[in-house]
Structures are given as C-alpha cells and as structure tokens.
N, C-alpha and C. Protein backbone atom coordinates (compact mmCIF):
# COMPACT_ATOMS: atom_id res chain seq x y z
N UNK A 1 -22.74 8.27 -14.45
CA UNK A 1 -22.41 9.43 -15.36
C UNK A 1 -23.33 9.41 -16.51
N UNK A 2 -22.67 8.12 -17.30
CA UNK A 2 -23.40 7.94 -18.69
C UNK A 2 -24.71 8.07 -18.82
N UNK A 3 -25.47 7.23 -17.83
CA UNK A 3 -26.93 7.39 -17.95
C UNK A 3 -27.50 8.96 -17.76
N UNK A 4 -26.57 9.80 -17.03
CA UNK A 4 -27.24 10.94 -16.84
C UNK A 4 -26.81 11.84 -18.28
N UNK A 5 -25.86 11.47 -19.10
CA UNK A 5 -25.78 12.35 -20.15
C UNK A 5 -26.79 11.70 -21.33
N UNK A 6 -27.28 10.07 -21.26
CA UNK A 6 -28.24 9.77 -22.32
C UNK A 6 -29.46 10.07 -21.77
N UNK A 7 -29.68 10.45 -20.31
CA UNK A 7 -31.03 10.95 -20.21
C UNK A 7 -31.13 12.61 -20.57
N UNK A 8 -30.12 13.05 -20.34
CA UNK A 8 -30.16 14.77 -20.70
C UNK A 8 -30.47 14.85 -22.05
N UNK A 9 -29.86 14.10 -23.03
CA UNK A 9 -30.12 13.90 -24.46
C UNK A 9 -31.43 13.59 -24.67
N UNK A 10 -31.92 12.66 -24.19
CA UNK A 10 -33.37 12.17 -24.67
C UNK A 10 -34.10 13.40 -23.92
N UNK A 11 -34.07 13.76 -23.05
CA UNK A 11 -34.85 14.98 -22.31
C UNK A 11 -34.89 16.08 -23.10
N UNK A 12 -33.72 16.50 -23.78
CA UNK A 12 -33.52 17.77 -24.64
C UNK A 12 -34.14 17.30 -25.93
N UNK A 13 -34.09 16.29 -26.41
CA UNK A 13 -34.95 15.93 -27.79
C UNK A 13 -36.35 16.07 -27.43
N UNK A 14 -36.92 15.78 -26.34
CA UNK A 14 -38.06 15.61 -26.22
C UNK A 14 -38.78 16.93 -25.89
N UNK A 15 -37.94 17.87 -25.30
CA UNK A 15 -38.44 19.26 -24.98
C UNK A 15 -38.50 20.15 -25.97
N UNK A 16 -39.45 20.69 -26.31
CA UNK A 16 -39.78 21.99 -27.26
C UNK A 16 -38.55 22.88 -27.31
N UNK A 17 -38.08 23.33 -28.62
CA UNK A 17 -37.19 24.41 -28.57
C UNK A 17 -37.47 25.56 -27.92
N UNK A 18 -38.94 25.89 -27.73
CA UNK A 18 -39.25 27.11 -27.46
C UNK A 18 -38.79 27.30 -25.67
N UNK A 19 -38.77 25.92 -25.31
CA UNK A 19 -38.11 26.22 -23.76
C UNK A 19 -36.91 26.55 -23.81
N UNK A 20 -35.92 26.31 -24.49
CA UNK A 20 -34.65 26.80 -24.56
C UNK A 20 -34.36 28.27 -25.16
N UNK A 21 -35.10 28.72 -25.86
CA UNK A 21 -34.99 30.13 -26.62
C UNK A 21 -34.60 31.12 -25.63
N UNK A 22 -35.71 31.36 -24.70
CA UNK A 22 -35.31 32.40 -23.68
C UNK A 22 -33.95 32.23 -23.24
N UNK A 23 -33.48 30.97 -22.53
CA UNK A 23 -32.13 30.95 -22.24
C UNK A 23 -30.76 31.33 -23.17
N UNK A 24 -31.38 30.70 -24.28
CA UNK A 24 -30.03 30.96 -25.27
C UNK A 24 -30.35 32.77 -25.60
N UNK A 25 -31.21 33.32 -25.81
CA UNK A 25 -31.54 34.72 -26.13
C UNK A 25 -30.75 35.56 -24.96
N UNK A 26 -30.77 35.03 -23.64
CA UNK A 26 -30.22 35.97 -22.58
C UNK A 26 -29.02 35.72 -22.52
N UNK A 27 -28.42 34.55 -23.01
CA UNK A 27 -27.01 34.12 -22.93
C UNK A 27 -26.34 35.03 -24.06
N UNK A 28 -26.84 35.15 -25.18
CA UNK A 28 -26.29 35.96 -26.46
C UNK A 28 -26.34 37.44 -25.88
N UNK A 29 -27.39 37.73 -25.24
CA UNK A 29 -27.26 39.11 -24.54
C UNK A 29 -26.12 39.49 -24.06
N UNK A 30 -25.95 38.53 -22.83
CA UNK A 30 -24.79 38.59 -22.42
C UNK A 30 -23.65 38.71 -22.74
N UNK A 31 -23.38 37.85 -23.54
CA UNK A 31 -22.16 37.69 -24.43
C UNK A 31 -21.78 38.91 -25.28
N UNK A 32 -22.98 39.35 -25.97
CA UNK A 32 -22.57 40.84 -26.72
C UNK A 32 -22.47 42.14 -25.74
N UNK A 33 -23.16 42.06 -24.56
CA UNK A 33 -22.91 43.20 -23.70
C UNK A 33 -21.36 42.94 -23.39
N UNK A 34 -20.95 41.99 -22.89
CA UNK A 34 -19.69 41.68 -22.39
C UNK A 34 -18.42 41.95 -23.44
N UNK A 35 -18.63 41.47 -24.44
CA UNK A 35 -17.60 41.93 -25.99
C UNK A 35 -17.92 43.31 -26.03
N UNK A 36 -19.08 44.18 -26.05
CA UNK A 36 -18.98 45.62 -26.30
C UNK A 36 -17.94 46.34 -25.23
N UNK A 37 -18.28 45.72 -23.90
CA UNK A 37 -17.87 46.57 -22.92
C UNK A 37 -16.22 46.40 -22.99
N UNK A 38 -15.76 45.31 -23.21
CA UNK A 38 -14.48 45.12 -23.32
C UNK A 38 -13.57 45.75 -24.54
N UNK A 39 -14.42 45.57 -25.56
CA UNK A 39 -13.84 46.36 -26.87
C UNK A 39 -13.61 47.76 -26.45
N UNK A 40 -14.59 48.45 -25.54
CA UNK A 40 -14.39 49.87 -25.21
C UNK A 40 -13.41 50.16 -24.62
N UNK A 41 -13.10 49.20 -23.34
CA UNK A 41 -11.85 49.36 -22.45
C UNK A 41 -10.56 49.40 -23.33
N UNK A 42 -10.57 48.50 -24.48
CA UNK A 42 -9.18 48.16 -24.97
C UNK A 42 -8.94 49.56 -25.79
N UNK A 43 -9.88 50.28 -26.27
CA UNK A 43 -9.40 51.68 -27.24
C UNK A 43 -8.79 52.63 -26.18
C-alpha cells in the first residue's frame, strides 16, 4: 500500500496541472449545484 501512495504522489507531481483542472472544475460545479439545491429546500 505504501508503494501505491508513493507512486501516486510521484505521478501527480509529474503530471501537468492542466490534466487535473477539468476534473476539479467539474467537482466544484457539482458541489455548488448541490449546495444551491439543498439551500432552496431548507427555506
């Protein structure tokens, strides 16, 4: 398991930030939509 974590960290450092940007943008969109829907239901 330790080798997996080390390999993941090494791969993440070598991978350009542009690779993760679409995934992060999609995640933030989902979080914002979810929060806005739950806030509307509480009112």
